[in-house]
Amino acid sequence: MEEKKLIIVDSNSLLHRAFHALPPLSTKSGVQTGAVYGFLLTLFKAINDLKANYVVACFDTKAKTFRHERFQEYKAQRPQTPDGIVSQIPIAKEVLGAFKIPVFAMEGFEADDLIATICKLAIEQEKNLEIYIVSGDLDNLQLVNKNIKVYTLGKGIKDTVIYDRNRVRERFGVEPEQMVDFKALTGDPSDNIPGVEGIGKKTAAEIIQRYGSIKNLYDELSTDTAVLKSKIKETLKKSKETAFMSLELVQTKKDVDIDFKVQDCKFGNFALAEVEKKLKDLEFNTLITRLLSLTNN
């Protein structure tokens, strides 16, 4: 019986990470390709490391999402995406197309919402499927369970770390499904999610360990039975609306209307000559050698 392992690629985060981690790279004709090179380096490594036989990729779009409607300042502090990344997104999609890897993107939602939805649909379709989310950040830790792990980058783009339930617990002091509550308290500066002012990671972990969730915490606060320092209590009470809004912002959607089938993601049904030509056009000669190891996986 075939052991099924699905990689879900968090494409924009990988391209961003590669763009900033690697020195600039261009073809002889001046086309920037460094982010795509790093993206493929990580993808090839993940497929080999994990012996993955199913692959799908998710992308963000330029359109604003439902989170911007909920909170206008969502991601407002982020600088504009460098042109060097924007110009390489279509190139990455072209290479994925050559590999016959399905690509999902939908206006109004982030790649993380598509990833969460695919995880849910994939497990419904294949109960024993192993899923690895390949990402340049840790936004998907809330999805980790016995079937789902996050394969992410350590220093640079060569070191990798796999987050399972134990690793999430060891690093953050909470269960993966409690990461949304944890981030609702601490906030997330990278996305401009406010959280509760003055609540750091250590305090947030202690609160979530004790009360289990934001809802339970505020139920206790409402009846004044919460056992917390008076200053923290007052801060939490004043910030109730912000805490629950932050919870909405960090929670990924698992019900995006997409047509996903695990079988469509079977990896290896590509024309080797077509992929080789694409890599040669991009002058990724070192990746062509790695490509052969993929086909022998």
Protein backbone atom coordinates (compact mmCIF):
# COMPACT_ATOMS: atom_id res chain seq x y z
CA MET A 1 0.00 0.00 0.00
CA GLU A 2 1.41 3.38 -1.01
CA GLU A 3 2.39 5.68 1.86
CA LYS A 4 0.97 9.07 0.94
CA LYS A 5 2.83 12.23 1.93
CA LEU A 6 1.53 15.60 0.77
CA ILE A 7 3.60 18.78 0.72
CA ILE A 8 1.66 22.06 0.75
CA VAL A 9 3.92 24.91 -0.34
CA ASP A 10 3.39 28.31 1.31
CA SER A 11 4.77 29.94 -1.81
CA ASN A 12 4.87 33.67 -1.02
CA SER A 13 6.55 33.13 2.34
CA LEU A 14 9.20 30.89 0.74
CA LEU A 15 9.87 33.40 -2.05
CA HIS A 16 10.20 36.24 0.49
CA ARG A 17 12.56 34.21 2.65
CA ALA A 18 14.72 33.20 -0.33
CA PHE A 19 14.80 36.76 -1.72
CA HIS A 20 16.19 38.15 1.54
CA ALA A 21 18.42 35.17 2.42
CA LEU A 22 20.31 34.80 -0.85
CA PRO A 23 22.52 37.22 -2.77
CA PRO A 24 20.89 38.72 -5.89
CA LEU A 25 20.80 36.39 -8.87
CA SER A 26 19.91 37.25 -12.47
CA THR A 27 20.05 35.64 -15.89
CA LYS A 28 22.44 36.96 -18.53
CA SER A 29 19.53 38.95 -19.96
CA GLY A 30 18.95 40.65 -16.58
CA VAL A 31 15.88 38.76 -15.29
CA GLN A 32 15.96 38.49 -11.48
CA THR A 33 15.75 34.85 -10.40
CA GLY A 34 17.28 34.56 -6.92
CA ALA A 35 13.97 34.14 -5.06
CA VAL A 36 12.83 31.41 -7.46
CA TYR A 37 16.19 29.66 -7.14
CA GLY A 38 15.93 29.61 -3.33
CA PHE A 39 12.26 28.60 -3.56
CA LEU A 40 13.13 25.58 -5.73
CA LEU A 41 16.14 24.69 -3.60
CA THR A 42 13.86 24.44 -0.55
CA LEU A 43 11.12 22.60 -2.45
CA PHE A 44 13.57 20.03 -3.87
CA LYS A 45 15.10 19.50 -0.42
CA ALA A 46 11.66 19.05 1.17
CA ILE A 47 10.57 16.50 -1.46
CA ASN A 48 13.79 14.53 -0.94
CA ASP A 49 13.87 14.83 2.86
CA LEU A 50 10.25 13.85 3.31
CA LYS A 51 10.00 11.37 0.42
CA ALA A 52 6.86 13.27 -0.55
CA ASN A 53 4.79 11.92 -3.43
CA TYR A 54 2.05 14.58 -3.56
CA VAL A 55 2.67 18.33 -3.90
CA VAL A 56 0.42 21.41 -4.11
CA ALA A 57 1.28 25.14 -3.94
CA CYS A 58 -0.67 28.10 -2.53
CA PHE A 59 -0.16 31.80 -3.26
CA ASP A 60 -1.44 35.10 -1.89
CA THR A 61 -3.05 37.60 -4.25
CA LYS A 62 -2.67 41.38 -4.37
CA ALA A 63 -6.33 41.86 -3.34
CA LYS A 64 -7.28 42.81 0.21
CA THR A 65 -8.82 40.07 2.34
CA PHE A 66 -11.70 39.76 4.80
CA ARG A 67 -9.14 40.59 7.51
CA HIS A 68 -8.68 44.09 6.08
CA GLU A 69 -12.45 44.54 6.28
CA ARG A 70 -12.38 43.53 9.95
CA PHE A 71 -9.34 45.68 10.77
CA GLN A 72 -8.27 48.39 8.33
CA GLU A 73 -4.77 48.55 9.82
CA TYR A 74 -4.12 44.86 9.14
CA LYS A 75 -0.57 44.60 7.72
CA ALA A 76 -0.62 48.40 7.32
CA GLN A 77 2.96 48.84 8.59
CA ARG A 78 4.44 46.42 6.06
CA PRO A 79 6.60 47.97 3.37
CA GLN A 80 5.52 47.35 -0.19
CA THR A 81 6.68 43.99 -1.55
CA PRO A 82 9.94 44.57 -3.45
CA ASP A 83 9.57 44.53 -7.23
CA GLY A 84 12.24 41.84 -7.28
CA ILE A 85 9.84 39.47 -5.51
CA VAL A 86 6.72 40.53 -7.41
CA SER A 87 8.42 39.94 -10.77
CA GLN A 88 9.47 36.43 -9.72
CA ILE A 89 6.03 35.17 -8.64
CA PRO A 90 4.91 34.43 -12.25
CA ILE A 91 8.25 32.67 -12.87
CA ALA A 92 7.70 30.44 -9.83
CA LYS A 93 4.20 29.61 -11.08
CA GLU A 94 5.58 28.75 -14.52
CA VAL A 95 8.08 26.31 -13.02
CA LEU A 96 5.38 24.74 -10.84
CA GLY A 97 3.28 24.42 -13.99
CA ALA A 98 6.11 22.58 -15.74
CA PHE A 99 6.18 20.18 -12.77
CA LYS A 100 2.38 19.75 -13.09
CA ILE A 101 2.04 20.89 -9.47
CA PRO A 102 -1.47 22.36 -8.84
CA VAL A 103 -1.47 26.02 -7.81
CA PHE A 104 -4.20 27.66 -5.70
CA ALA A 105 -4.79 31.38 -5.13
CA MET A 106 -8.05 33.21 -4.41
CA GLU A 107 -8.85 36.89 -3.99
CA GLY A 108 -10.19 37.78 -0.55
CA PHE A 109 -8.16 35.06 1.16
CA GLU A 110 -4.53 34.51 2.08
CA ALA A 111 -2.44 31.50 1.17
CA ASP A 112 -2.73 30.44 4.83
CA ASP A 113 -6.52 30.10 4.45
CA LEU A 114 -6.09 27.96 1.36
CA ILE A 115 -3.51 25.84 3.18
CA ALA A 116 -5.87 25.32 6.14
CA THR A 117 -8.72 24.40 3.78
CA ILE A 118 -6.54 21.97 1.81
CA CYS A 119 -5.42 20.31 5.07
CA LYS A 120 -9.06 19.76 6.06
CA LEU A 121 -10.13 18.47 2.63
CA ALA A 122 -7.05 16.28 2.22
CA ILE A 123 -7.59 14.50 5.55
CA GLU A 124 -11.26 13.96 4.69
CA GLN A 125 -10.20 12.34 1.42
CA GLU A 126 -7.23 10.33 2.76
CA LYS A 127 -7.47 9.48 6.46
CA ASN A 128 -3.85 8.28 6.84
CA LEU A 129 -2.27 11.03 4.76
CA GLU A 130 0.83 12.74 6.18
CA ILE A 131 0.85 16.47 5.44
CA TYR A 132 3.85 18.80 5.60
CA ILE A 133 3.35 22.54 5.19
CA VAL A 134 6.57 23.91 3.68
CA SER A 135 6.84 27.53 4.74
CA GLY A 136 9.24 30.38 5.40
CA ASP A 137 7.36 31.39 8.57
CA LEU A 138 5.47 29.88 11.52
CA ASP A 139 1.96 31.20 10.82
CA ASN A 140 0.63 27.69 10.20
CA LEU A 141 1.59 26.16 13.54
CA GLN A 142 -2.07 26.34 14.59
CA LEU A 143 -2.76 23.51 12.09
CA VAL A 144 -0.25 21.03 13.52
CA ASN A 145 -1.75 17.72 14.69
CA LYS A 146 -1.00 14.00 14.34
CA ASN A 147 -1.37 14.23 10.54
CA ILE A 148 0.03 17.71 9.92
CA LYS A 149 3.51 19.13 10.51
CA VAL A 150 5.22 22.36 9.49
CA TYR A 151 8.54 22.08 7.65
CA THR A 152 10.22 25.45 7.91
CA LEU A 153 13.58 27.12 7.51
CA GLY A 154 16.15 27.68 10.22
CA LYS A 155 19.07 29.98 9.48
CA GLY A 156 19.24 30.99 5.83
CA ILE A 157 17.52 28.51 3.56
CA LYS A 158 19.62 25.38 4.07
CA ASP A 159 18.76 24.50 7.68
CA THR A 160 15.27 23.12 8.16
CA VAL A 161 13.12 22.44 11.20
CA ILE A 162 10.03 20.24 11.43
CA TYR A 163 7.39 21.31 13.93
CA ASP A 164 5.21 18.55 15.32
CA ARG A 165 2.98 18.86 18.39
CA ASN A 166 5.86 18.34 20.84
CA ARG A 167 8.09 20.91 19.17
CA VAL A 168 5.33 23.55 19.21
CA ARG A 169 4.70 22.85 22.88
CA GLU A 170 8.43 22.98 23.71
CA ARG A 171 8.97 26.31 21.98
CA PHE A 172 5.79 28.21 22.88
CA GLY A 173 4.42 26.44 25.96
CA VAL A 174 0.99 25.84 24.41
CA GLU A 175 -0.66 23.23 22.19
CA PRO A 176 -0.75 23.91 18.42
CA GLU A 177 -4.51 24.53 18.43
CA GLN A 178 -3.95 27.13 21.17
CA MET A 179 -1.51 29.14 19.03
CA VAL A 180 -4.41 31.34 17.87
CA ASP A 181 -5.24 32.22 21.49
CA PHE A 182 -1.56 32.74 22.27
CA LYS A 183 -1.12 35.15 19.32
CA ALA A 184 -4.39 36.91 20.12
CA LEU A 185 -2.78 37.89 23.45
CA THR A 186 0.78 38.61 22.26
CA GLY A 187 -0.21 40.13 18.92
CA ASP A 188 1.84 39.73 15.76
CA PRO A 189 3.88 42.79 14.73
CA SER A 190 4.63 41.36 11.27
CA ASP A 191 0.90 41.45 10.45
CA ASN A 192 0.13 44.48 12.65
CA ILE A 193 -2.17 42.40 14.85
CA PRO A 194 -2.44 44.37 18.10
CA GLY A 195 -2.99 41.67 20.73
CA VAL A 196 -3.16 42.85 24.35
CA GLU A 197 -0.66 45.58 25.17
CA GLY A 198 1.84 44.53 27.82
CA ILE A 199 1.23 40.78 27.50
CA GLY A 200 4.44 39.06 26.43
CA LYS A 201 5.00 35.49 25.29
CA LYS A 202 5.79 34.10 28.77
CA THR A 203 2.67 35.61 30.35
CA ALA A 204 0.49 34.63 27.38
CA ALA A 205 1.67 31.01 27.63
CA GLU A 206 0.97 30.93 31.37
CA ILE A 207 -2.53 32.34 30.82
CA ILE A 208 -3.37 29.87 28.05
CA GLN A 209 -1.96 26.96 30.07
CA ARG A 210 -4.25 27.92 32.93
CA TYR A 211 -7.45 28.83 31.07
CA GLY A 212 -7.12 26.90 27.82
CA SER A 213 -8.50 29.59 25.53
CA ILE A 214 -9.36 33.29 25.19
CA LYS A 215 -13.05 32.46 25.61
CA ASN A 216 -12.49 30.58 28.87
CA LEU A 217 -10.24 33.37 30.11
CA TYR A 218 -12.84 36.08 29.53
CA ASP A 219 -15.62 33.91 30.98
CA GLU A 220 -13.59 33.79 34.19
CA LEU A 221 -12.83 37.50 34.03
CA SER A 222 -16.51 38.32 33.64
CA THR A 223 -17.35 36.54 36.91
CA ASP A 224 -14.18 37.85 38.56
CA THR A 225 -12.97 34.32 39.32
CA ALA A 226 -9.79 34.53 37.24
CA VAL A 227 -6.67 34.03 39.34
CA LEU A 228 -4.32 36.65 37.90
CA LYS A 229 -2.37 39.66 39.11
CA SER A 230 -4.68 42.64 39.42
CA LYS A 231 -2.71 44.71 36.88
CA ILE A 232 -2.93 41.92 34.26
CA LYS A 233 -6.64 41.50 35.00
CA GLU A 234 -7.32 45.16 34.38
CA THR A 235 -5.25 45.17 31.19
CA LEU A 236 -7.14 42.13 29.87
CA LYS A 237 -10.54 43.57 30.77
CA LYS A 238 -9.78 46.85 29.00
CA SER A 239 -8.53 45.01 25.93
CA LYS A 240 -11.34 42.45 25.57
CA GLU A 241 -12.55 43.76 22.20
CA THR A 242 -9.01 43.94 20.82
CA ALA A 243 -8.21 40.43 22.05
CA PHE A 244 -11.23 38.89 20.32
CA MET A 245 -10.60 40.89 17.15
CA SER A 246 -6.98 39.67 17.16
CA LEU A 247 -8.29 36.11 17.57
CA GLU A 248 -10.40 36.55 14.42
CA LEU A 249 -7.42 37.90 12.50
CA VAL A 250 -5.02 35.06 13.38
CA GLN A 251 -7.50 32.21 12.89
CA THR A 252 -7.14 30.66 9.44
CA LYS A 253 -10.24 29.80 7.39
CA LYS A 254 -10.83 26.12 6.73
CA ASP A 255 -13.84 26.48 4.45
CA VAL A 256 -12.62 28.37 1.38
CA ASP A 257 -14.59 27.24 -1.68
CA ILE A 258 -11.93 25.47 -3.74
CA ASP A 259 -11.96 22.34 -5.87
CA PHE A 260 -9.17 20.28 -4.32
CA LYS A 261 -8.46 16.60 -4.83
CA VAL A 262 -5.43 14.82 -3.37
CA GLN A 263 -5.08 12.66 -6.47
CA ASP A 264 -4.55 15.77 -8.63
CA CYS A 265 -1.38 16.47 -6.62
CA LYS A 266 0.45 13.24 -7.43
CA PHE A 267 4.06 14.28 -8.01
CA GLY A 268 6.16 12.96 -10.87
CA ASN A 269 3.75 13.12 -13.81
CA PHE A 270 5.78 15.80 -15.57
CA ALA A 271 7.80 15.79 -18.77
CA LEU A 272 11.45 15.80 -17.71
CA ALA A 273 12.54 17.57 -20.93
CA GLU A 274 10.07 20.41 -20.33
CA VAL A 275 11.28 20.97 -16.77
CA GLU A 276 14.93 20.77 -17.83
CA LYS A 277 14.31 23.39 -20.52
CA LYS A 278 12.62 25.71 -17.99
CA LEU A 279 15.56 25.38 -15.58
CA LYS A 280 18.07 25.94 -18.40
CA ASP A 281 16.19 29.06 -19.52
CA LEU A 282 16.50 30.37 -15.96
CA GLU A 283 20.18 29.32 -15.95
CA PHE A 284 19.62 27.08 -12.92
CA ASN A 285 22.18 24.54 -14.08
CA THR A 286 22.96 23.22 -10.59
CA LEU A 287 19.27 22.48 -10.05
CA ILE A 288 19.15 20.21 -13.11
CA THR A 289 21.41 17.73 -11.27
CA ARG A 290 19.12 17.92 -8.24
CA LEU A 291 16.14 17.40 -10.54
CA LEU A 292 17.43 13.95 -11.48
CA SER A 293 17.49 12.96 -7.80
CA LEU A 294 13.81 13.98 -7.56
CA THR A 295 12.83 11.72 -10.41
CA ASN A 296 14.60 8.83 -8.70
CA ASN A 297 12.91 9.55 -5.38
